[in-house]
């Protein structure tokens, strides 16, 4: 498993390019502050949408999202290479 770190602005710019309401995306993303999600966690709609967008963002980099966590201004993603 590999770890990638992105500034939150990179993710928000990606959300904007996908016509996602930035305020909603930021509120959803901020929900994850200091939390780590795994596939075992039951997700709310906002969590699921944010996870889906981050997964799409990583797919463009040939990576599969395993889990992620947030600090104040960065998103740390644990990923696998898509084969």
C-alpha atoms as a PDB file:
ATOM      1  CA  UNK A   1       0.000   0.000   0.000  1.00  0.00           C
ATOM      2  CA  UNK A   2       1.229   3.465  -0.874  1.00  0.00           C
ATOM      3  CA  UNK A   3       0.519   6.811   0.788  1.00  0.00           C
ATOM      4  CA  UNK A   4      -0.169   9.987  -1.208  1.00  0.00           C
ATOM      5  CA  UNK A   5      -0.746  13.427   0.257  1.00  0.00           C
ATOM      6  CA  UNK A   6      -2.635  16.245  -1.447  1.00  0.00           C
ATOM      7  CA  UNK A   7      -3.337  19.801  -0.385  1.00  0.00           C
ATOM      8  CA  UNK A   8      -7.068  20.215   0.131  1.00  0.00           C
ATOM      9  CA  UNK A   9      -7.134  22.893  -2.595  1.00  0.00           C
ATOM     10  CA  UNK A  10      -6.149  20.241  -5.181  1.00  0.00           C
ATOM     11  CA  UNK A  11      -9.166  18.146  -4.237  1.00  0.00           C
ATOM     12  CA  UNK A  12     -11.486  21.174  -4.147  1.00  0.00           C
ATOM     13  CA  UNK A  13     -10.280  22.261  -7.599  1.00  0.00           C
ATOM     14  CA  UNK A  14     -11.057  18.765  -8.859  1.00  0.00           C
ATOM     15  CA  UNK A  15     -14.524  18.933  -7.255  1.00  0.00           C
ATOM     16  CA  UNK A  16     -15.088  22.280  -9.006  1.00  0.00           C
ATOM     17  CA  UNK A  17     -14.088  20.803 -12.368  1.00  0.00           C
ATOM     18  CA  UNK A  18     -16.795  18.161 -11.843  1.00  0.00           C
ATOM     19  CA  UNK A  19     -19.496  20.794 -11.152  1.00  0.00           C
ATOM     20  CA  UNK A  20     -19.849  19.826  -7.493  1.00  0.00           C
ATOM     21  CA  UNK A  21     -21.131  22.544  -5.184  1.00  0.00           C
ATOM     22  CA  UNK A  22     -17.874  23.678  -3.525  1.00  0.00           C
ATOM     23  CA  UNK A  23     -19.521  24.614  -0.250  1.00  0.00           C
ATOM     24  CA  UNK A  24     -21.131  21.172   0.042  1.00  0.00           C
ATOM     25  CA  UNK A  25     -17.907  19.438  -0.985  1.00  0.00           C
ATOM     26  CA  UNK A  26     -15.875  21.403   1.561  1.00  0.00           C
ATOM     27  CA  UNK A  27     -18.393  20.726   4.342  1.00  0.00           C
ATOM     28  CA  UNK A  28     -18.363  17.038   3.493  1.00  0.00           C
ATOM     29  CA  UNK A  29     -14.564  16.962   3.341  1.00  0.00           C
ATOM     30  CA  UNK A  30     -14.232  18.813   6.655  1.00  0.00           C
ATOM     31  CA  UNK A  31     -16.315  16.056   8.268  1.00  0.00           C
ATOM     32  CA  UNK A  32     -13.279  13.790   7.879  1.00  0.00           C
ATOM     33  CA  UNK A  33     -10.889  16.021   9.806  1.00  0.00           C
ATOM     34  CA  UNK A  34      -8.742  13.829  12.053  1.00  0.00           C
ATOM     35  CA  UNK A  35     -10.641  10.681  11.046  1.00  0.00           C
ATOM     36  CA  UNK A  36      -9.545   7.738   8.939  1.00  0.00           C
ATOM     37  CA  UNK A  37     -12.101   5.886   6.866  1.00  0.00           C
ATOM     38  CA  UNK A  38     -11.840   2.309   5.762  1.00  0.00           C
ATOM     39  CA  UNK A  39     -14.193   0.266   3.639  1.00  0.00           C
ATOM     40  CA  UNK A  40     -15.707  -1.155   6.869  1.00  0.00           C
ATOM     41  CA  UNK A  41     -17.091   2.201   8.028  1.00  0.00           C
ATOM     42  CA  UNK A  42     -20.770   2.911   7.410  1.00  0.00           C
ATOM     43  CA  UNK A  43     -20.934   6.161   5.465  1.00  0.00           C
ATOM     44  CA  UNK A  44     -23.411   9.019   5.480  1.00  0.00           C
ATOM     45  CA  UNK A  45     -24.486  10.444   2.127  1.00  0.00           C
ATOM     46  CA  UNK A  46     -21.994  13.327   2.458  1.00  0.00           C
ATOM     47  CA  UNK A  47     -19.176  10.973   3.384  1.00  0.00           C
ATOM     48  CA  UNK A  48     -20.010   8.656   0.514  1.00  0.00           C
ATOM     49  CA  UNK A  49     -20.069  11.522  -2.012  1.00  0.00           C
ATOM     50  CA  UNK A  50     -16.723  12.865  -0.791  1.00  0.00           C
ATOM     51  CA  UNK A  51     -15.166   9.398  -0.876  1.00  0.00           C
ATOM     52  CA  UNK A  52     -16.535   8.865  -4.405  1.00  0.00           C
ATOM     53  CA  UNK A  53     -15.020  12.139  -5.623  1.00  0.00           C
ATOM     54  CA  UNK A  54     -11.636  11.393  -4.058  1.00  0.00           C
ATOM     55  CA  UNK A  55     -11.741   7.904  -5.615  1.00  0.00           C
ATOM     56  CA  UNK A  56     -12.444   9.445  -9.032  1.00  0.00           C
ATOM     57  CA  UNK A  57      -9.605  11.944  -8.504  1.00  0.00           C
ATOM     58  CA  UNK A  58      -7.201   9.068  -7.770  1.00  0.00           C
ATOM     59  CA  UNK A  59      -8.434   6.900 -10.665  1.00  0.00           C
ATOM     60  CA  UNK A  60      -7.132   9.577 -13.010  1.00  0.00           C
ATOM     61  CA  UNK A  61      -3.717   8.897 -11.430  1.00  0.00           C
ATOM     62  CA  UNK A  62      -4.155   5.087 -11.842  1.00  0.00           C
ATOM     63  CA  UNK A  63      -4.617   4.622  -8.092  1.00  0.00           C
ATOM     64  CA  UNK A  64      -7.357   2.875  -6.100  1.00  0.00           C
ATOM     65  CA  UNK A  65      -8.406   4.455  -2.806  1.00  0.00           C
ATOM     66  CA  UNK A  66      -8.148   2.148   0.216  1.00  0.00           C
ATOM     67  CA  UNK A  67      -8.648   4.730   2.962  1.00  0.00           C
ATOM     68  CA  UNK A  68      -7.883   8.347   3.692  1.00  0.00           C
ATOM     69  CA  UNK A  69      -7.546  10.801   6.524  1.00  0.00           C
ATOM     70  CA  UNK A  70      -7.401  14.555   6.770  1.00  0.00           C
ATOM     71  CA  UNK A  71      -5.294  17.077   8.589  1.00  0.00           C
ATOM     72  CA  UNK A  72      -6.176  20.766   8.667  1.00  0.00           C
ATOM     73  CA  UNK A  73      -5.115  21.402   5.072  1.00  0.00           C
ATOM     74  CA  UNK A  74      -4.076  18.072   3.550  1.00  0.00           C
ATOM     75  CA  UNK A  75      -5.737  14.826   2.564  1.00  0.00           C
ATOM     76  CA  UNK A  76      -3.625  11.701   3.020  1.00  0.00           C
ATOM     77  CA  UNK A  77      -4.767   8.826   0.815  1.00  0.00           C
ATOM     78  CA  UNK A  78      -3.719   5.202   1.204  1.00  0.00           C
ATOM     79  CA  UNK A  79      -3.852   3.700  -2.259  1.00  0.00           C
ATOM     80  CA  UNK A  80      -3.009   0.710  -4.446  1.00  0.00           C
ATOM     81  CA  UNK A  81      -1.776   0.898  -8.021  1.00  0.00           C
ATOM     82  CA  UNK A  82      -4.509  -0.056 -10.501  1.00  0.00           C
ATOM     83  CA  UNK A  83      -3.269  -2.998 -12.539  1.00  0.00           C
END
